[in-house]
Amino acid sequence: MLQDLIIKIFDLFIFVLFVWAIMSWIPDLRSSKFFLALDGFFARLLEPIRKVIPLLGGSIDISPIILIVLLKFVLLPGLLFLASLLPASP
């Protein structure tokens, strides 16, 4: 039960990250309040990755892809393992 909730939260987070990345390619959407709110949130998460991994070809930012990989293959399995150690609720 807890593991399913964790997976759903991660999937929603990744979906919103994907929406933000697509919106960043569309100039008219970059000035929307929704985009600016997401940008403020995701910029903080992506900043450490952007410091380590430069833009590809000088203009392609792959930091969202790196974040998704880290979430799916590092953080999510760790959280699921910790959740499996918790006692089951009655």
C-alpha atoms as a PDB file:
ATOM      1  CA  MET A   1       0.000   0.000   0.000  1.00  0.00           C
ATOM      2  CA  LEU A   2       2.689   2.499   1.011  1.00  0.00           C
ATOM      3  CA  GLN A   3       4.867   1.367  -1.882  1.00  0.00           C
ATOM      4  CA  ASP A   4       2.024   2.000  -4.341  1.00  0.00           C
ATOM      5  CA  LEU A   5       1.572   5.508  -2.958  1.00  0.00           C
ATOM      6  CA  ILE A   6       5.295   6.233  -3.258  1.00  0.00           C
ATOM      7  CA  ILE A   7       5.315   5.028  -6.868  1.00  0.00           C
ATOM      8  CA  LYS A   8       2.262   7.149  -7.734  1.00  0.00           C
ATOM      9  CA  ILE A   9       3.844  10.258  -6.186  1.00  0.00           C
ATOM     10  CA  PHE A  10       7.061   9.689  -8.133  1.00  0.00           C
ATOM     11  CA  ASP A  11       5.130   9.137 -11.360  1.00  0.00           C
ATOM     12  CA  LEU A  12       3.172  12.354 -10.822  1.00  0.00           C
ATOM     13  CA  PHE A  13       6.372  14.256 -10.068  1.00  0.00           C
ATOM     14  CA  ILE A  14       8.025  12.956 -13.230  1.00  0.00           C
ATOM     15  CA  PHE A  15       4.930  13.793 -15.291  1.00  0.00           C
ATOM     16  CA  VAL A  16       4.929  17.380 -13.984  1.00  0.00           C
ATOM     17  CA  LEU A  17       8.673  17.620 -14.689  1.00  0.00           C
ATOM     18  CA  PHE A  18       8.005  16.447 -18.249  1.00  0.00           C
ATOM     19  CA  VAL A  19       5.195  19.022 -18.657  1.00  0.00           C
ATOM     20  CA  TRP A  20       7.533  21.744 -17.378  1.00  0.00           C
ATOM     21  CA  ALA A  21      10.262  20.691 -19.828  1.00  0.00           C
ATOM     22  CA  ILE A  22       7.837  20.776 -22.779  1.00  0.00           C
ATOM     23  CA  MET A  23       6.481  24.156 -21.665  1.00  0.00           C
ATOM     24  CA  SER A  24      10.030  25.532 -21.568  1.00  0.00           C
ATOM     25  CA  TRP A  25      10.298  24.990 -25.333  1.00  0.00           C
ATOM     26  CA  ILE A  26       7.200  27.106 -26.069  1.00  0.00           C
ATOM     27  CA  PRO A  27       7.951  30.837 -25.699  1.00  0.00           C
ATOM     28  CA  ASP A  28       4.328  31.889 -25.087  1.00  0.00           C
ATOM     29  CA  LEU A  29       3.996  29.451 -22.175  1.00  0.00           C
ATOM     30  CA  ARG A  30       7.197  30.531 -20.445  1.00  0.00           C
ATOM     31  CA  SER A  31       5.502  33.677 -19.139  1.00  0.00           C
ATOM     32  CA  SER A  32       2.490  31.867 -17.624  1.00  0.00           C
ATOM     33  CA  LYS A  33       2.110  31.805 -13.849  1.00  0.00           C
ATOM     34  CA  PHE A  34       1.927  28.011 -13.905  1.00  0.00           C
ATOM     35  CA  PHE A  35       5.249  27.732 -15.730  1.00  0.00           C
ATOM     36  CA  LEU A  36       6.924  30.320 -13.495  1.00  0.00           C
ATOM     37  CA  ALA A  37       5.810  28.413 -10.389  1.00  0.00           C
ATOM     38  CA  LEU A  38       7.135  25.131 -11.780  1.00  0.00           C
ATOM     39  CA  ASP A  39      10.305  26.826 -12.986  1.00  0.00           C
ATOM     40  CA  GLY A  40      11.039  28.185  -9.528  1.00  0.00           C
ATOM     41  CA  PHE A  41      10.653  24.708  -8.058  1.00  0.00           C
ATOM     42  CA  PHE A  42      12.493  22.671 -10.690  1.00  0.00           C
ATOM     43  CA  ALA A  43      15.300  25.191 -11.180  1.00  0.00           C
ATOM     44  CA  ARG A  44      16.377  24.572  -7.577  1.00  0.00           C
ATOM     45  CA  LEU A  45      16.378  20.811  -8.092  1.00  0.00           C
ATOM     46  CA  LEU A  46      18.195  20.935 -11.415  1.00  0.00           C
ATOM     47  CA  GLU A  47      20.830  23.513 -10.456  1.00  0.00           C
ATOM     48  CA  PRO A  48      23.283  20.999  -8.882  1.00  0.00           C
ATOM     49  CA  ILE A  49      22.983  18.747 -11.940  1.00  0.00           C
ATOM     50  CA  ARG A  50      23.501  21.694 -14.300  1.00  0.00           C
ATOM     51  CA  LYS A  51      26.694  22.620 -12.452  1.00  0.00           C
ATOM     52  CA  VAL A  52      28.151  19.160 -13.149  1.00  0.00           C
ATOM     53  CA  ILE A  53      26.748  18.409 -16.610  1.00  0.00           C
ATOM     54  CA  PRO A  54      27.128  21.142 -19.242  1.00  0.00           C
ATOM     55  CA  LEU A  55      24.664  21.843 -22.027  1.00  0.00           C
ATOM     56  CA  LEU A  56      25.015  19.467 -24.970  1.00  0.00           C
ATOM     57  CA  GLY A  57      26.065  21.309 -28.084  1.00  0.00           C
ATOM     58  CA  GLY A  58      25.866  24.528 -26.106  1.00  0.00           C
ATOM     59  CA  SER A  59      22.063  24.614 -26.045  1.00  0.00           C
ATOM     60  CA  ILE A  60      20.495  21.264 -25.066  1.00  0.00           C
ATOM     61  CA  ASP A  61      19.851  20.859 -21.336  1.00  0.00           C
ATOM     62  CA  ILE A  62      19.687  17.201 -20.325  1.00  0.00           C
ATOM     63  CA  SER A  63      19.471  17.876 -16.592  1.00  0.00           C
ATOM     64  CA  PRO A  64      15.742  16.925 -16.449  1.00  0.00           C
ATOM     65  CA  ILE A  65      16.599  13.544 -17.973  1.00  0.00           C
ATOM     66  CA  ILE A  66      19.389  13.047 -15.429  1.00  0.00           C
ATOM     67  CA  LEU A  67      16.969  13.945 -12.613  1.00  0.00           C
ATOM     68  CA  ILE A  68      14.412  11.428 -13.877  1.00  0.00           C
ATOM     69  CA  VAL A  69      17.072   8.695 -14.054  1.00  0.00           C
ATOM     70  CA  LEU A  70      18.250   9.509 -10.528  1.00  0.00           C
ATOM     71  CA  LEU A  71      14.703   9.467  -9.210  1.00  0.00           C
ATOM     72  CA  LYS A  72      13.684   6.238 -10.944  1.00  0.00           C
ATOM     73  CA  PHE A  73      16.848   4.215 -10.410  1.00  0.00           C
ATOM     74  CA  VAL A  74      18.372   5.573  -7.183  1.00  0.00           C
ATOM     75  CA  LEU A  75      15.892   7.351  -4.936  1.00  0.00           C
ATOM     76  CA  LEU A  76      12.728   5.374  -5.716  1.00  0.00           C
ATOM     77  CA  PRO A  77      14.249   1.908  -5.082  1.00  0.00           C
ATOM     78  CA  GLY A  78      15.751   3.201  -1.833  1.00  0.00           C
ATOM     79  CA  LEU A  79      12.436   4.561  -0.620  1.00  0.00           C
ATOM     80  CA  LEU A  80      10.615   1.394  -1.631  1.00  0.00           C
ATOM     81  CA  PHE A  81      13.162  -0.679   0.297  1.00  0.00           C
ATOM     82  CA  LEU A  82      12.713   1.487   3.389  1.00  0.00           C
ATOM     83  CA  ALA A  83       8.931   1.268   3.056  1.00  0.00           C
ATOM     84  CA  SER A  84       9.178  -2.531   2.887  1.00  0.00           C
ATOM     85  CA  LEU A  85      10.952  -2.532   6.260  1.00  0.00           C
ATOM     86  CA  LEU A  86       8.026  -0.812   7.971  1.00  0.00           C
ATOM     87  CA  PRO A  87       5.569  -3.092   9.734  1.00  0.00           C
ATOM     88  CA  ALA A  88       2.332  -3.703   7.857  1.00  0.00           C
ATOM     89  CA  SER A  89      -0.701  -1.846   9.180  1.00  0.00           C
ATOM     90  CA  PRO A  90      -3.454  -4.045  10.664  1.00  0.00           C
END
